[in-house]
Amino acid sequence: MSTDVAHKRWWQIFEVVFGLPFLVAIALQLAVPLSFPCGVFTPAIILGGAALIIVGATIVVLARRAFAQSGQPTDPGLPTSKLVTTGMFSISRNPLYLGGVCILAGIALAVNLPWVFILLLPALVACHYVLIAPEERYLATQFREEYRTYAASVHRWIGRVR
C-alpha cells in the first residue's frame, strides 16, 4: 500500500473550495442584493432551508462517525489504511461534501442568499477537480480492486448503482 495522501496543499479542503465562494456570495449580496420570492412562499423557503441544514448536518455527523468507527482520519491530507464503505458511505462516496453542500444550500434558503446558489455551481466543479478527483486517484491506488468495486456500486454524490 502507498503512504501517499490525496491532498498535499493547504487549500485542498472543503472550507476553501466552498467557503471562499460562500464569502464572495455574501459580499455580492451586500453589493448587488438578490432575493428569493417573498410573501406566501417565505415560510416554506425558510423551512426548506432549515430542513436542508438538519439533513446536511446529520449526513456529516454520520459520515464522521463511520470514519471514527473504522479508525480512519477525516482529513484527506492524512493517509488512510482502510476503505470505509459502511454507513453513509454505502449510499454516497462523498457524504462529507454532500452534507456540507446541503448545509450551505440550507443557509442560502433560510437567510435569503440567492448568490450562494449561483456560486455553488462553480464551487461544485472546483470540488470535483480539486477534492474528489485526487481522492479517487489516491483510493484507486491505495485499495485497487476493492475501491473499483466500491466505486462501481456507489454513486459519487448519492445513490447506489442498480
C-alpha atoms as a PDB file:
ATOM      1  CA  MET A   1       0.000   0.000   0.000  1.00  0.00           C
ATOM      2  CA  SER A   2       1.087   3.544  -0.735  1.00  0.00           C
ATOM      3  CA  THR A   3       1.749   6.083   2.030  1.00  0.00           C
ATOM      4  CA  ASP A   4       0.888   8.999  -0.234  1.00  0.00           C
ATOM      5  CA  VAL A   5      -2.105  11.234   0.531  1.00  0.00           C
ATOM      6  CA  ALA A   6      -4.964  12.616  -1.557  1.00  0.00           C
ATOM      7  CA  HIS A   7      -4.329  16.303  -0.815  1.00  0.00           C
ATOM      8  CA  LYS A   8      -0.951  17.880  -0.330  1.00  0.00           C
ATOM      9  CA  ARG A   9      -1.770  21.601  -0.288  1.00  0.00           C
ATOM     10  CA  TRP A  10      -3.493  23.672   2.416  1.00  0.00           C
ATOM     11  CA  TRP A  11      -6.172  24.938   0.045  1.00  0.00           C
ATOM     12  CA  GLN A  12      -7.335  21.457  -0.988  1.00  0.00           C
ATOM     13  CA  ILE A  13     -10.071  21.352   1.632  1.00  0.00           C
ATOM     14  CA  PHE A  14     -13.841  21.816   1.683  1.00  0.00           C
ATOM     15  CA  GLU A  15     -13.566  25.003   3.724  1.00  0.00           C
ATOM     16  CA  VAL A  16     -11.567  26.726   0.964  1.00  0.00           C
ATOM     17  CA  VAL A  17     -13.286  25.243  -2.108  1.00  0.00           C
ATOM     18  CA  PHE A  18     -16.769  26.056  -0.790  1.00  0.00           C
ATOM     19  CA  GLY A  19     -16.000  28.656   1.882  1.00  0.00           C
ATOM     20  CA  LEU A  20     -14.441  31.230  -0.436  1.00  0.00           C
ATOM     21  CA  PRO A  21     -17.403  31.210  -2.873  1.00  0.00           C
ATOM     22  CA  PHE A  22     -19.736  31.414   0.144  1.00  0.00           C
ATOM     23  CA  LEU A  23     -17.920  34.531   1.406  1.00  0.00           C
ATOM     24  CA  VAL A  24     -17.973  36.026  -2.107  1.00  0.00           C
ATOM     25  CA  ALA A  25     -21.722  35.320  -2.230  1.00  0.00           C
ATOM     26  CA  ILE A  26     -22.213  37.283   1.000  1.00  0.00           C
ATOM     27  CA  ALA A  27     -20.174  40.195  -0.412  1.00  0.00           C
ATOM     28  CA  LEU A  28     -22.168  40.094  -3.662  1.00  0.00           C
ATOM     29  CA  GLN A  29     -25.410  40.049  -1.672  1.00  0.00           C
ATOM     30  CA  LEU A  30     -24.312  43.254   0.053  1.00  0.00           C
ATOM     31  CA  ALA A  31     -23.211  44.885  -3.222  1.00  0.00           C
ATOM     32  CA  VAL A  32     -25.937  43.579  -5.556  1.00  0.00           C
ATOM     33  CA  PRO A  33     -28.826  42.283  -3.454  1.00  0.00           C
ATOM     34  CA  LEU A  34     -30.905  39.420  -4.823  1.00  0.00           C
ATOM     35  CA  SER A  35     -33.921  37.882  -3.153  1.00  0.00           C
ATOM     36  CA  PHE A  36     -35.923  34.687  -3.286  1.00  0.00           C
ATOM     37  CA  PRO A  37     -39.674  35.154  -3.891  1.00  0.00           C
ATOM     38  CA  CYS A  38     -41.289  36.828  -0.901  1.00  0.00           C
ATOM     39  CA  GLY A  39     -44.766  36.641   0.506  1.00  0.00           C
ATOM     40  CA  VAL A  40     -46.613  33.383   0.799  1.00  0.00           C
ATOM     41  CA  PHE A  41     -43.512  31.311  -0.126  1.00  0.00           C
ATOM     42  CA  THR A  42     -41.238  32.797   2.548  1.00  0.00           C
ATOM     43  CA  PRO A  43     -42.137  30.378   5.380  1.00  0.00           C
ATOM     44  CA  ALA A  44     -41.753  27.373   3.049  1.00  0.00           C
ATOM     45  CA  ILE A  45     -38.383  28.621   1.796  1.00  0.00           C
ATOM     46  CA  ILE A  46     -37.113  29.180   5.344  1.00  0.00           C
ATOM     47  CA  LEU A  47     -38.459  25.797   6.461  1.00  0.00           C
ATOM     48  CA  GLY A  48     -36.848  24.112   3.439  1.00  0.00           C
ATOM     49  CA  GLY A  49     -33.560  25.789   4.321  1.00  0.00           C
ATOM     50  CA  ALA A  50     -33.772  24.615   7.926  1.00  0.00           C
ATOM     51  CA  ALA A  51     -34.553  21.069   6.736  1.00  0.00           C
ATOM     52  CA  LEU A  52     -31.519  21.092   4.413  1.00  0.00           C
ATOM     53  CA  ILE A  53     -29.293  22.288   7.256  1.00  0.00           C
ATOM     54  CA  ILE A  54     -30.552  19.468   9.501  1.00  0.00           C
ATOM     55  CA  VAL A  55     -30.172  16.849   6.750  1.00  0.00           C
ATOM     56  CA  GLY A  56     -26.695  18.103   5.879  1.00  0.00           C
ATOM     57  CA  ALA A  57     -25.535  18.164   9.490  1.00  0.00           C
ATOM     58  CA  THR A  58     -26.897  14.650  10.010  1.00  0.00           C
ATOM     59  CA  ILE A  59     -25.050  13.375   6.939  1.00  0.00           C
ATOM     60  CA  VAL A  60     -21.785  14.956   8.139  1.00  0.00           C
ATOM     61  CA  VAL A  61     -22.147  13.532  11.669  1.00  0.00           C
ATOM     62  CA  LEU A  62     -22.932  10.037  10.355  1.00  0.00           C
ATOM     63  CA  ALA A  63     -20.020  10.148   7.887  1.00  0.00           C
ATOM     64  CA  ARG A  64     -17.596  11.289  10.574  1.00  0.00           C
ATOM     65  CA  ARG A  65     -18.901   8.533  12.857  1.00  0.00           C
ATOM     66  CA  ALA A  66     -18.240   5.923  10.136  1.00  0.00           C
ATOM     67  CA  PHE A  67     -14.665   7.228   9.788  1.00  0.00           C
ATOM     68  CA  ALA A  68     -14.160   7.176  13.569  1.00  0.00           C
ATOM     69  CA  GLN A  69     -15.552   3.646  13.906  1.00  0.00           C
ATOM     70  CA  SER A  70     -13.113   2.495  11.229  1.00  0.00           C
ATOM     71  CA  GLY A  71     -10.221   4.370  12.837  1.00  0.00           C
ATOM     72  CA  GLN A  72      -9.689   6.484   9.735  1.00  0.00           C
ATOM     73  CA  PRO A  73      -8.947  10.230   9.517  1.00  0.00           C
ATOM     74  CA  THR A  74     -11.476  12.647   8.042  1.00  0.00           C
ATOM     75  CA  ASP A  75      -8.639  14.848   6.769  1.00  0.00           C
ATOM     76  CA  PRO A  76      -7.735  13.815   3.183  1.00  0.00           C
ATOM     77  CA  GLY A  77      -4.265  15.227   3.866  1.00  0.00           C
ATOM     78  CA  LEU A  78      -3.611  12.210   6.098  1.00  0.00           C
ATOM     79  CA  PRO A  79      -3.057   8.667   4.834  1.00  0.00           C
ATOM     80  CA  THR A  80      -5.829   6.104   5.210  1.00  0.00           C
ATOM     81  CA  SER A  81      -5.373   2.399   5.809  1.00  0.00           C
ATOM     82  CA  LYS A  82      -8.929   1.157   5.328  1.00  0.00           C
ATOM     83  CA  LEU A  83     -11.615   1.872   2.738  1.00  0.00           C
ATOM     84  CA  VAL A  84     -14.795   2.959   4.534  1.00  0.00           C
ATOM     85  CA  THR A  85     -17.889   1.643   2.737  1.00  0.00           C
ATOM     86  CA  THR A  86     -20.420   1.401   5.574  1.00  0.00           C
ATOM     87  CA  GLY A  87     -22.983   3.821   6.970  1.00  0.00           C
ATOM     88  CA  MET A  88     -23.327   6.956   4.858  1.00  0.00           C
ATOM     89  CA  PHE A  89     -20.521   5.678   2.620  1.00  0.00           C
ATOM     90  CA  SER A  90     -22.826   2.876   1.458  1.00  0.00           C
ATOM     91  CA  ILE A  91     -25.035   5.466  -0.288  1.00  0.00           C
ATOM     92  CA  SER A  92     -22.521   8.215  -1.128  1.00  0.00           C
ATOM     93  CA  ARG A  93     -18.811   8.094  -1.891  1.00  0.00           C
ATOM     94  CA  ASN A  94     -18.570  11.709  -0.704  1.00  0.00           C
ATOM     95  CA  PRO A  95     -21.018  12.181   2.175  1.00  0.00           C
ATOM     96  CA  LEU A  96     -18.941  14.886   3.881  1.00  0.00           C
ATOM     97  CA  TYR A  97     -19.083  17.032   0.744  1.00  0.00           C
ATOM     98  CA  LEU A  98     -22.754  16.164   0.183  1.00  0.00           C
ATOM     99  CA  GLY A  99     -23.623  17.141   3.748  1.00  0.00           C
ATOM    100  CA  GLY A 100     -21.629  20.359   3.509  1.00  0.00           C
ATOM    101  CA  VAL A 101     -23.354  21.344   0.271  1.00  0.00           C
ATOM    102  CA  CYS A 102     -26.758  20.659   1.872  1.00  0.00           C
ATOM    103  CA  ILE A 103     -25.816  22.889   4.819  1.00  0.00           C
ATOM    104  CA  LEU A 104     -24.701  25.729   2.528  1.00  0.00           C
ATOM    105  CA  ALA A 105     -27.827  25.429   0.380  1.00  0.00           C
ATOM    106  CA  GLY A 106     -29.935  25.390   3.535  1.00  0.00           C
ATOM    107  CA  ILE A 107     -28.266  28.528   4.868  1.00  0.00           C
ATOM    108  CA  ALA A 108     -28.823  30.199   1.491  1.00  0.00           C
ATOM    109  CA  LEU A 109     -32.543  29.440   1.644  1.00  0.00           C
ATOM    110  CA  ALA A 110     -33.010  30.173   5.346  1.00  0.00           C
ATOM    111  CA  VAL A 111     -31.345  33.596   5.243  1.00  0.00           C
ATOM    112  CA  ASN A 112     -32.275  34.588   1.669  1.00  0.00           C
ATOM    113  CA  LEU A 113     -28.861  34.427  -0.069  1.00  0.00           C
ATOM    114  CA  PRO A 114     -29.544  33.515  -3.719  1.00  0.00           C
ATOM    115  CA  TRP A 115     -25.923  34.345  -4.618  1.00  0.00           C
ATOM    116  CA  VAL A 116     -24.871  31.190  -2.776  1.00  0.00           C
ATOM    117  CA  PHE A 117     -26.759  29.072  -5.327  1.00  0.00           C
ATOM    118  CA  ILE A 118     -25.185  30.966  -8.202  1.00  0.00           C
ATOM    119  CA  LEU A 119     -21.670  30.403  -6.824  1.00  0.00           C
ATOM    120  CA  LEU A 120     -22.399  26.845  -5.714  1.00  0.00           C
ATOM    121  CA  LEU A 121     -22.136  25.624  -9.315  1.00  0.00           C
ATOM    122  CA  PRO A 122     -18.510  26.724  -9.863  1.00  0.00           C
ATOM    123  CA  ALA A 123     -17.704  25.501  -6.330  1.00  0.00           C
ATOM    124  CA  LEU A 124     -19.080  22.057  -7.247  1.00  0.00           C
ATOM    125  CA  VAL A 125     -16.923  22.000 -10.384  1.00  0.00           C
ATOM    126  CA  ALA A 126     -13.893  23.001  -8.309  1.00  0.00           C
ATOM    127  CA  CYS A 127     -14.825  20.330  -5.749  1.00  0.00           C
ATOM    128  CA  HIS A 128     -14.691  17.704  -8.460  1.00  0.00           C
ATOM    129  CA  TYR A 129     -11.254  18.682  -9.740  1.00  0.00           C
ATOM    130  CA  VAL A 130      -9.586  19.897  -6.536  1.00  0.00           C
ATOM    131  CA  LEU A 131     -11.041  17.480  -3.977  1.00  0.00           C
ATOM    132  CA  ILE A 132     -12.815  14.455  -5.435  1.00  0.00           C
ATOM    133  CA  ALA A 133     -10.576  13.537  -8.399  1.00  0.00           C
ATOM    134  CA  PRO A 134      -7.366  13.450  -6.305  1.00  0.00           C
ATOM    135  CA  GLU A 135      -9.152  11.434  -3.609  1.00  0.00           C
ATOM    136  CA  GLU A 136     -10.438   8.945  -6.171  1.00  0.00           C
ATOM    137  CA  ARG A 137      -6.954   8.536  -7.680  1.00  0.00           C
ATOM    138  CA  TYR A 138      -5.477   8.055  -4.219  1.00  0.00           C
ATOM    139  CA  LEU A 139      -8.103   5.479  -3.196  1.00  0.00           C
ATOM    140  CA  ALA A 140      -7.770   3.606  -6.514  1.00  0.00           C
ATOM    141  CA  THR A 141      -4.005   3.410  -5.991  1.00  0.00           C
ATOM    142  CA  GLN A 142      -4.275   2.552  -2.319  1.00  0.00           C
ATOM    143  CA  PHE A 143      -7.080  -0.040  -2.487  1.00  0.00           C
ATOM    144  CA  ARG A 144      -7.076  -1.123  -6.146  1.00  0.00           C
ATOM    145  CA  GLU A 145      -9.839  -3.670  -6.873  1.00  0.00           C
ATOM    146  CA  GLU A 146     -11.645  -3.065  -3.576  1.00  0.00           C
ATOM    147  CA  TYR A 147     -12.063   0.627  -4.497  1.00  0.00           C
ATOM    148  CA  ARG A 148     -13.025  -0.131  -8.114  1.00  0.00           C
ATOM    149  CA  THR A 149     -15.764  -2.478  -6.894  1.00  0.00           C
ATOM    150  CA  TYR A 150     -16.975   0.117  -4.389  1.00  0.00           C
ATOM    151  CA  ALA A 151     -16.929   2.955  -6.956  1.00  0.00           C
ATOM    152  CA  ALA A 152     -18.881   0.782  -9.391  1.00  0.00           C
ATOM    153  CA  SER A 153     -21.605   0.167  -6.796  1.00  0.00           C
ATOM    154  CA  VAL A 154     -22.000   3.566  -5.063  1.00  0.00           C
ATOM    155  CA  HIS A 155     -22.551   6.879  -6.859  1.00  0.00           C
ATOM    156  CA  ARG A 156     -20.155   9.750  -6.287  1.00  0.00           C
ATOM    157  CA  TRP A 157     -22.775  12.006  -4.691  1.00  0.00           C
ATOM    158  CA  ILE A 158     -25.781   9.898  -3.732  1.00  0.00           C
ATOM    159  CA  GLY A 159     -27.341   6.555  -4.509  1.00  0.00           C
ATOM    160  CA  ARG A 160     -26.347   3.011  -5.252  1.00  0.00           C
ATOM    161  CA  VAL A 161     -25.832   1.612  -8.737  1.00  0.00           C
ATOM    162  CA  ARG A 162     -28.508  -0.901  -9.658  1.00  0.00           C
END
